[in-house]
């Protein structure tokens, strides 16, 4: 995965509370970085997922999360977390994520998050509407 694959990045600075006894970011915090970045990705697209879910009763659920650690991430480092939608299925979105040092090109951590669009009453998958697909495709030309 390379930096050029991403149009969207969200910045972070590693806080002391996020490191473990070995002085590196504790593994669970990467999911927080990824979740925050996905939220900001949609904000950058102009999509308010929270408002949409309240209106429609349909929301995304995480069904898979994968993290691959390539190099340690240390206290006080400034980071760029990249997010992109790699694939859209009938009811699922596959996000690819990568963490870089601010302005850097070496990948420190990669991730994959899979969301399923789900009716909140039945907890069953439903098709992702064309409006969401089209909005994502405006910034992800590989999906058209």
N, C-alpha and C. Protein backbone atom coordinates (compact mmCIF):
# COMPACT_ATOMS: atom_id res chain seq x y z
N UNK A 1 0.85 -1.17 0.00
CA UNK A 1 0.00 0.00 0.00
C UNK A 1 0.89 1.24 0.00
N UNK A 2 0.54 2.20 -0.83
CA UNK A 2 1.36 3.41 -0.93
C UNK A 2 0.51 4.64 -0.64
N UNK A 3 1.18 5.70 -0.26
CA UNK A 3 0.52 6.96 0.07
C UNK A 3 -0.32 7.48 -1.09
N UNK A 4 0.14 7.26 -2.32
CA UNK A 4 -0.56 7.78 -3.50
C UNK A 4 -1.93 7.15 -3.70
N UNK A 5 -2.21 6.04 -3.06
CA UNK A 5 -3.51 5.38 -3.22
C UNK A 5 -4.63 6.10 -2.47
N UNK A 6 -4.29 7.06 -1.64
CA UNK A 6 -5.27 7.71 -0.78
C UNK A 6 -5.48 9.16 -1.17
N UNK A 7 -6.71 9.58 -1.23
CA UNK A 7 -7.02 11.00 -1.42
C UNK A 7 -7.27 11.66 -0.07
N UNK A 8 -7.62 10.86 0.95
CA UNK A 8 -7.99 11.42 2.23
C UNK A 8 -7.04 10.98 3.34
N UNK A 9 -6.60 11.94 4.14
CA UNK A 9 -5.77 11.68 5.32
C UNK A 9 -6.33 12.47 6.50
N UNK A 10 -6.23 11.86 7.67
CA UNK A 10 -6.58 12.56 8.90
C UNK A 10 -5.35 12.56 9.81
N UNK A 11 -5.04 13.71 10.40
CA UNK A 11 -3.83 13.80 11.23
C UNK A 11 -4.07 13.38 12.68
N UNK A 12 -3.05 12.81 13.28
CA UNK A 12 -3.05 12.46 14.70
C UNK A 12 -1.66 12.77 15.25
N UNK A 13 -1.59 12.97 16.55
CA UNK A 13 -0.32 12.99 17.26
C UNK A 13 -0.47 11.95 18.38
N UNK A 14 0.49 11.05 18.48
CA UNK A 14 0.42 9.99 19.48
C UNK A 14 0.54 10.60 20.88
N UNK A 15 -0.48 10.35 21.69
CA UNK A 15 -0.51 10.86 23.06
C UNK A 15 0.13 9.84 24.01
N UNK A 16 0.60 10.33 25.13
CA UNK A 16 1.24 9.47 26.12
C UNK A 16 0.29 8.35 26.57
N UNK A 17 -0.99 8.69 26.70
CA UNK A 17 -1.97 7.70 27.16
C UNK A 17 -2.19 6.57 26.15
N UNK A 18 -1.68 6.72 24.93
CA UNK A 18 -1.89 5.70 23.89
C UNK A 18 -0.74 4.70 23.79
N UNK A 19 0.33 4.92 24.52
CA UNK A 19 1.46 3.99 24.41
C UNK A 19 1.42 2.96 25.52
N UNK A 20 2.09 1.85 25.27
CA UNK A 20 2.14 0.78 26.25
C UNK A 20 3.49 0.78 26.97
N UNK A 21 3.73 -0.25 27.75
CA UNK A 21 4.96 -0.36 28.51
C UNK A 21 6.21 -0.49 27.65
N UNK A 22 6.04 -0.82 26.40
CA UNK A 22 7.17 -0.93 25.47
C UNK A 22 7.44 0.39 24.75
N UNK A 23 6.59 1.40 25.04
CA UNK A 23 6.79 2.71 24.44
C UNK A 23 6.21 2.87 23.05
N UNK A 24 5.40 1.91 22.61
CA UNK A 24 4.77 2.00 21.30
C UNK A 24 3.26 2.11 21.48
N UNK A 25 2.57 2.53 20.44
CA UNK A 25 1.11 2.64 20.52
C UNK A 25 0.53 1.27 20.85
N UNK A 26 -0.31 1.24 21.88
CA UNK A 26 -1.00 0.01 22.27
C UNK A 26 -1.94 -0.40 21.15
N UNK A 27 -2.00 -1.68 20.86
CA UNK A 27 -2.68 -2.18 19.66
C UNK A 27 -4.13 -1.73 19.50
N UNK A 28 -4.89 -1.63 20.58
CA UNK A 28 -6.31 -1.27 20.45
C UNK A 28 -6.50 0.15 19.93
N UNK A 29 -5.52 1.01 20.13
CA UNK A 29 -5.68 2.40 19.70
C UNK A 29 -5.70 2.54 18.17
N UNK A 30 -5.12 1.60 17.46
CA UNK A 30 -5.14 1.69 16.00
C UNK A 30 -6.57 1.65 15.47
N UNK A 31 -7.43 0.86 16.11
CA UNK A 31 -8.83 0.82 15.68
C UNK A 31 -9.51 2.16 15.91
N UNK A 32 -9.14 2.84 16.98
CA UNK A 32 -9.68 4.19 17.21
C UNK A 32 -9.20 5.14 16.14
N UNK A 33 -7.92 5.06 15.79
CA UNK A 33 -7.39 5.90 14.70
C UNK A 33 -8.17 5.63 13.41
N UNK A 34 -8.40 4.35 13.11
CA UNK A 34 -9.09 3.99 11.88
C UNK A 34 -10.55 4.46 11.91
N UNK A 35 -11.24 4.24 13.02
CA UNK A 35 -12.64 4.64 13.13
C UNK A 35 -12.79 6.15 12.99
N UNK A 36 -11.94 6.90 13.66
CA UNK A 36 -11.98 8.36 13.57
C UNK A 36 -11.72 8.81 12.14
N UNK A 37 -10.76 8.19 11.48
CA UNK A 37 -10.42 8.56 10.11
C UNK A 37 -11.57 8.27 9.15
N UNK A 38 -12.25 7.15 9.34
CA UNK A 38 -13.41 6.84 8.48
C UNK A 38 -14.52 7.87 8.70
N UNK A 39 -14.76 8.26 9.94
CA UNK A 39 -15.76 9.30 10.22
C UNK A 39 -15.40 10.59 9.51
N UNK A 40 -14.13 10.98 9.57
CA UNK A 40 -13.68 12.21 8.93
C UNK A 40 -13.69 12.09 7.40
N UNK A 41 -13.44 10.90 6.89
CA UNK A 41 -13.53 10.62 5.45
C UNK A 41 -14.93 10.99 4.96
N UNK A 42 -15.95 10.49 5.67
CA UNK A 42 -17.33 10.78 5.26
C UNK A 42 -17.68 12.24 5.46
N UNK A 43 -17.15 12.86 6.50
CA UNK A 43 -17.37 14.28 6.70
C UNK A 43 -16.80 15.06 5.50
N UNK A 44 -15.62 14.66 5.03
CA UNK A 44 -15.00 15.32 3.87
C UNK A 44 -15.84 15.12 2.60
N UNK A 45 -16.56 14.02 2.51
CA UNK A 45 -17.45 13.78 1.38
C UNK A 45 -18.77 14.54 1.51
N UNK A 46 -19.06 15.07 2.70
CA UNK A 46 -20.32 15.75 2.93
C UNK A 46 -21.45 14.81 3.32
N UNK A 47 -21.11 13.62 3.79
CA UNK A 47 -22.11 12.62 4.19
C UNK A 47 -22.15 12.56 5.71
N UNK A 48 -23.33 12.82 6.28
CA UNK A 48 -23.52 12.75 7.72
C UNK A 48 -24.16 11.40 8.05
N UNK A 49 -23.32 10.44 8.34
CA UNK A 49 -23.77 9.08 8.60
C UNK A 49 -24.73 9.02 9.79
N UNK A 50 -24.42 9.77 10.83
CA UNK A 50 -25.24 9.76 12.03
C UNK A 50 -26.65 10.27 11.73
N UNK A 51 -26.74 11.40 11.04
CA UNK A 51 -28.06 11.96 10.69
C UNK A 51 -28.82 11.03 9.76
N UNK A 52 -28.11 10.44 8.81
CA UNK A 52 -28.74 9.51 7.86
C UNK A 52 -29.33 8.31 8.61
N UNK A 53 -28.57 7.78 9.55
CA UNK A 53 -29.05 6.61 10.32
C UNK A 53 -30.28 6.96 11.15
N UNK A 54 -30.29 8.16 11.73
CA UNK A 54 -31.46 8.58 12.53
C UNK A 54 -32.69 8.73 11.65
N UNK A 55 -32.50 9.20 10.42
CA UNK A 55 -33.61 9.42 9.50
C UNK A 55 -34.13 8.11 8.92
N UNK A 56 -33.21 7.23 8.51
CA UNK A 56 -33.60 6.02 7.78
C UNK A 56 -33.77 4.78 8.65
N UNK A 57 -33.14 4.77 9.81
CA UNK A 57 -33.15 3.55 10.63
C UNK A 57 -32.21 2.49 10.10
N UNK A 58 -31.32 2.91 9.20
CA UNK A 58 -30.34 1.98 8.61
C UNK A 58 -28.96 2.55 8.88
N UNK A 59 -28.05 1.70 9.31
CA UNK A 59 -26.71 2.16 9.65
C UNK A 59 -25.71 1.07 9.32
N UNK A 60 -24.45 1.46 9.33
CA UNK A 60 -23.38 0.51 9.07
C UNK A 60 -22.91 -0.16 10.36
N UNK A 61 -22.63 -1.44 10.27
CA UNK A 61 -22.03 -2.20 11.37
C UNK A 61 -20.66 -2.69 10.93
N UNK A 62 -19.70 -2.65 11.82
CA UNK A 62 -18.39 -3.25 11.53
C UNK A 62 -18.54 -4.77 11.65
N UNK A 63 -18.12 -5.49 10.61
CA UNK A 63 -18.17 -6.95 10.66
C UNK A 63 -16.78 -7.58 10.58
N UNK A 64 -15.78 -6.74 10.24
CA UNK A 64 -14.41 -7.25 10.17
C UNK A 64 -13.45 -6.10 10.39
N UNK A 65 -12.43 -6.36 11.17
CA UNK A 65 -11.35 -5.39 11.31
C UNK A 65 -10.04 -6.16 11.34
N UNK A 66 -9.10 -5.68 10.55
CA UNK A 66 -7.80 -6.33 10.41
C UNK A 66 -6.73 -5.26 10.51
N UNK A 67 -5.71 -5.53 11.32
CA UNK A 67 -4.59 -4.61 11.47
C UNK A 67 -3.31 -5.38 11.21
N UNK A 68 -2.45 -4.79 10.41
CA UNK A 68 -1.13 -5.38 10.17
C UNK A 68 -0.07 -4.36 10.56
N UNK A 69 0.77 -4.75 11.49
CA UNK A 69 1.80 -3.87 12.04
C UNK A 69 3.09 -4.06 11.24
N UNK A 70 3.54 -3.00 10.61
CA UNK A 70 4.75 -3.05 9.79
C UNK A 70 5.96 -2.50 10.54
N UNK A 71 5.72 -1.49 11.41
CA UNK A 71 6.80 -0.84 12.15
C UNK A 71 6.20 -0.20 13.40
N UNK A 72 6.99 -0.03 14.44
CA UNK A 72 6.47 0.60 15.66
C UNK A 72 6.07 2.05 15.42
N UNK A 73 5.04 2.48 16.15
CA UNK A 73 4.60 3.86 16.15
C UNK A 73 4.82 4.37 17.57
N UNK A 74 5.56 5.47 17.70
CA UNK A 74 6.05 5.92 19.00
C UNK A 74 5.37 7.19 19.49
N UNK A 75 5.50 7.41 20.80
CA UNK A 75 4.96 8.58 21.47
C UNK A 75 5.38 9.88 20.77
N UNK A 76 4.43 10.78 20.66
CA UNK A 76 4.58 12.13 20.14
C UNK A 76 4.80 12.20 18.63
N UNK A 77 4.78 11.08 17.95
CA UNK A 77 4.89 11.14 16.49
C UNK A 77 3.63 11.77 15.92
N UNK A 78 3.82 12.57 14.89
CA UNK A 78 2.69 13.09 14.12
C UNK A 78 2.43 12.11 12.99
N UNK A 79 1.16 11.78 12.82
CA UNK A 79 0.77 10.75 11.87
C UNK A 79 -0.23 11.29 10.85
N UNK A 80 -0.22 10.67 9.68
CA UNK A 80 -1.26 10.83 8.68
C UNK A 80 -1.90 9.46 8.50
N UNK A 81 -3.20 9.38 8.74
CA UNK A 81 -3.91 8.11 8.54
C UNK A 81 -4.74 8.25 7.27
N UNK A 82 -4.43 7.43 6.29
CA UNK A 82 -5.15 7.44 5.02
C UNK A 82 -6.29 6.46 5.02
N UNK A 83 -7.39 6.84 4.37
CA UNK A 83 -8.55 5.96 4.23
C UNK A 83 -9.05 6.03 2.80
N UNK A 84 -9.51 4.90 2.33
CA UNK A 84 -10.18 4.85 1.03
C UNK A 84 -11.15 3.69 1.02
N UNK A 85 -12.18 3.81 0.21
CA UNK A 85 -13.08 2.68 0.00
C UNK A 85 -12.49 1.87 -1.14
N UNK A 86 -12.11 0.65 -0.84
CA UNK A 86 -11.48 -0.21 -1.84
C UNK A 86 -12.51 -0.96 -2.68
N UNK A 87 -13.67 -1.25 -2.05
CA UNK A 87 -14.69 -2.02 -2.76
C UNK A 87 -16.05 -1.74 -2.15
N UNK A 88 -17.06 -1.73 -3.00
CA UNK A 88 -18.45 -1.63 -2.55
C UNK A 88 -19.18 -2.87 -3.04
N UNK A 89 -19.73 -3.62 -2.11
CA UNK A 89 -20.55 -4.77 -2.45
C UNK A 89 -22.02 -4.37 -2.45
N UNK A 90 -22.90 -5.34 -2.46
CA UNK A 90 -24.33 -5.05 -2.42
C UNK A 90 -24.71 -4.32 -1.14
N UNK A 91 -24.20 -4.82 -0.01
CA UNK A 91 -24.54 -4.21 1.29
C UNK A 91 -23.29 -3.88 2.11
N UNK A 92 -22.11 -4.03 1.51
CA UNK A 92 -20.89 -3.83 2.30
C UNK A 92 -19.94 -2.82 1.66
N UNK A 93 -19.15 -2.20 2.55
CA UNK A 93 -18.05 -1.33 2.15
C UNK A 93 -16.78 -1.91 2.72
N UNK A 94 -15.73 -1.96 1.91
CA UNK A 94 -14.42 -2.39 2.38
C UNK A 94 -13.50 -1.19 2.35
N UNK A 95 -13.03 -0.81 3.54
CA UNK A 95 -12.09 0.30 3.68
C UNK A 95 -10.67 -0.24 3.77
N UNK A 96 -9.76 0.41 3.09
CA UNK A 96 -8.34 0.18 3.30
C UNK A 96 -7.80 1.41 4.00
N UNK A 97 -6.95 1.17 4.99
CA UNK A 97 -6.38 2.25 5.78
C UNK A 97 -4.88 2.04 5.90
N UNK A 98 -4.16 3.14 6.06
CA UNK A 98 -2.71 3.05 6.25
C UNK A 98 -2.26 4.22 7.10
N UNK A 99 -1.27 3.94 7.94
CA UNK A 99 -0.71 4.97 8.81
C UNK A 99 0.71 5.27 8.36
N UNK A 100 0.98 6.56 8.21
CA UNK A 100 2.29 7.07 7.81
C UNK A 100 2.73 8.12 8.83
N UNK A 101 4.03 8.32 8.97
CA UNK A 101 4.47 9.51 9.69
C UNK A 101 4.05 10.71 8.87
N UNK A 102 3.81 11.84 9.55
CA UNK A 102 3.37 13.04 8.86
C UNK A 102 4.31 13.35 7.69
N UNK A 103 3.73 13.40 6.49
CA UNK A 103 4.49 13.69 5.29
C UNK A 103 5.35 12.54 4.79
N UNK A 104 5.37 11.42 5.50
CA UNK A 104 6.23 10.29 5.13
C UNK A 104 5.61 9.38 4.10
N UNK A 105 6.43 8.50 3.54
CA UNK A 105 5.95 7.56 2.53
C UNK A 105 6.00 6.12 3.00
N UNK A 106 6.71 5.83 4.07
CA UNK A 106 6.80 4.46 4.56
C UNK A 106 5.55 4.10 5.37
N UNK A 107 4.94 2.99 5.01
CA UNK A 107 3.74 2.52 5.70
C UNK A 107 4.14 1.91 7.04
N UNK A 108 3.53 2.39 8.10
CA UNK A 108 3.81 1.87 9.44
C UNK A 108 2.81 0.78 9.84
N UNK A 109 1.54 1.01 9.50
CA UNK A 109 0.46 0.10 9.87
C UNK A 109 -0.56 0.13 8.74
N UNK A 110 -1.13 -1.02 8.42
CA UNK A 110 -2.23 -1.07 7.46
C UNK A 110 -3.44 -1.69 8.13
N UNK A 111 -4.59 -1.43 7.54
CA UNK A 111 -5.81 -1.99 8.09
C UNK A 111 -6.87 -2.19 7.03
N UNK A 112 -7.79 -3.06 7.36
CA UNK A 112 -8.98 -3.28 6.54
C UNK A 112 -10.17 -3.32 7.49
N UNK A 113 -11.16 -2.53 7.18
CA UNK A 113 -12.40 -2.50 7.95
C UNK A 113 -13.54 -2.78 6.98
N UNK A 114 -14.40 -3.72 7.34
CA UNK A 114 -15.57 -4.03 6.51
C UNK A 114 -16.82 -3.64 7.28
N UNK A 115 -17.64 -2.83 6.61
CA UNK A 115 -18.92 -2.41 7.15
C UNK A 115 -20.03 -3.07 6.34
N UNK A 116 -21.15 -3.37 7.02
CA UNK A 116 -22.35 -3.86 6.35
C UNK A 116 -23.49 -2.91 6.70
N UNK A 117 -24.21 -2.48 5.66
CA UNK A 117 -25.36 -1.59 5.81
C UNK A 117 -26.52 -2.42 6.35
N UNK A 118 -27.06 -2.03 7.50
CA UNK A 118 -27.94 -2.91 8.25
C UNK A 118 -29.18 -2.18 8.76
N UNK A 119 -30.33 -2.81 8.54
CA UNK A 119 -31.57 -2.30 9.11
C UNK A 119 -31.47 -2.43 10.63
N UNK A 120 -31.67 -1.34 11.34
CA UNK A 120 -31.47 -1.34 12.78
C UNK A 120 -32.59 -2.03 13.56
N UNK A 121 -33.71 -2.30 12.92
CA UNK A 121 -34.79 -3.05 13.56
C UNK A 121 -34.58 -4.55 13.44
N UNK A 122 -34.21 -4.99 12.24
CA UNK A 122 -34.07 -6.43 11.99
C UNK A 122 -32.63 -6.92 12.14
N UNK A 123 -31.69 -5.99 12.10
CA UNK A 123 -30.25 -6.31 12.13
C UNK A 123 -29.85 -7.19 10.95
N UNK A 124 -30.53 -7.00 9.84
CA UNK A 124 -30.24 -7.73 8.61
C UNK A 124 -29.65 -6.76 7.58
N UNK A 125 -28.76 -7.24 6.73
CA UNK A 125 -28.18 -6.39 5.69
C UNK A 125 -29.23 -5.90 4.70
N UNK A 126 -29.01 -4.67 4.22
CA UNK A 126 -29.84 -4.10 3.17
C UNK A 126 -28.91 -3.49 2.12
N UNK A 127 -29.36 -3.35 0.89
CA UNK A 127 -28.50 -2.77 -0.15
C UNK A 127 -28.09 -1.33 0.16
N UNK A 128 -26.86 -1.01 -0.17
CA UNK A 128 -26.37 0.36 -0.05
C UNK A 128 -27.03 1.18 -1.16
N UNK A 129 -27.65 2.31 -0.82
CA UNK A 129 -28.35 3.09 -1.85
C UNK A 129 -27.39 3.71 -2.88
N UNK A 130 -27.94 3.95 -4.04
CA UNK A 130 -27.16 4.55 -5.14
C UNK A 130 -26.58 5.89 -4.73
N UNK A 131 -27.29 6.66 -3.91
CA UNK A 131 -26.80 7.98 -3.51
C UNK A 131 -25.47 7.88 -2.75
N UNK A 132 -25.33 6.89 -1.88
CA UNK A 132 -24.08 6.70 -1.14
C UNK A 132 -23.00 6.19 -2.07
N UNK A 133 -23.36 5.25 -2.93
CA UNK A 133 -22.39 4.72 -3.91
C UNK A 133 -21.83 5.83 -4.79
N UNK A 134 -22.72 6.67 -5.30
CA UNK A 134 -22.31 7.75 -6.19
C UNK A 134 -21.44 8.77 -5.47
N UNK A 135 -21.79 9.08 -4.23
CA UNK A 135 -20.99 10.03 -3.45
C UNK A 135 -19.57 9.51 -3.26
N UNK A 136 -19.44 8.25 -2.88
CA UNK A 136 -18.11 7.66 -2.69
C UNK A 136 -17.34 7.66 -4.01
N UNK A 137 -18.02 7.31 -5.09
CA UNK A 137 -17.37 7.22 -6.41
C UNK A 137 -16.82 8.56 -6.89
N UNK A 138 -17.35 9.67 -6.36
CA UNK A 138 -16.82 10.98 -6.77
C UNK A 138 -15.36 11.13 -6.39
N UNK A 139 -14.90 10.44 -5.35
CA UNK A 139 -13.51 10.53 -4.91
C UNK A 139 -12.75 9.23 -5.07
N UNK A 140 -13.43 8.17 -5.45
CA UNK A 140 -12.80 6.87 -5.61
C UNK A 140 -13.04 6.38 -7.04
N UNK A 141 -12.30 6.92 -8.01
CA UNK A 141 -12.57 6.60 -9.42
C UNK A 141 -12.41 5.12 -9.76
N UNK A 142 -11.66 4.38 -8.98
CA UNK A 142 -11.49 2.94 -9.24
C UNK A 142 -12.79 2.17 -9.03
N UNK A 143 -13.80 2.79 -8.45
CA UNK A 143 -15.08 2.12 -8.18
C UNK A 143 -16.09 2.33 -9.29
N UNK A 144 -15.77 3.18 -10.26
CA UNK A 144 -16.76 3.45 -11.33
C UNK A 144 -16.59 2.52 -12.49
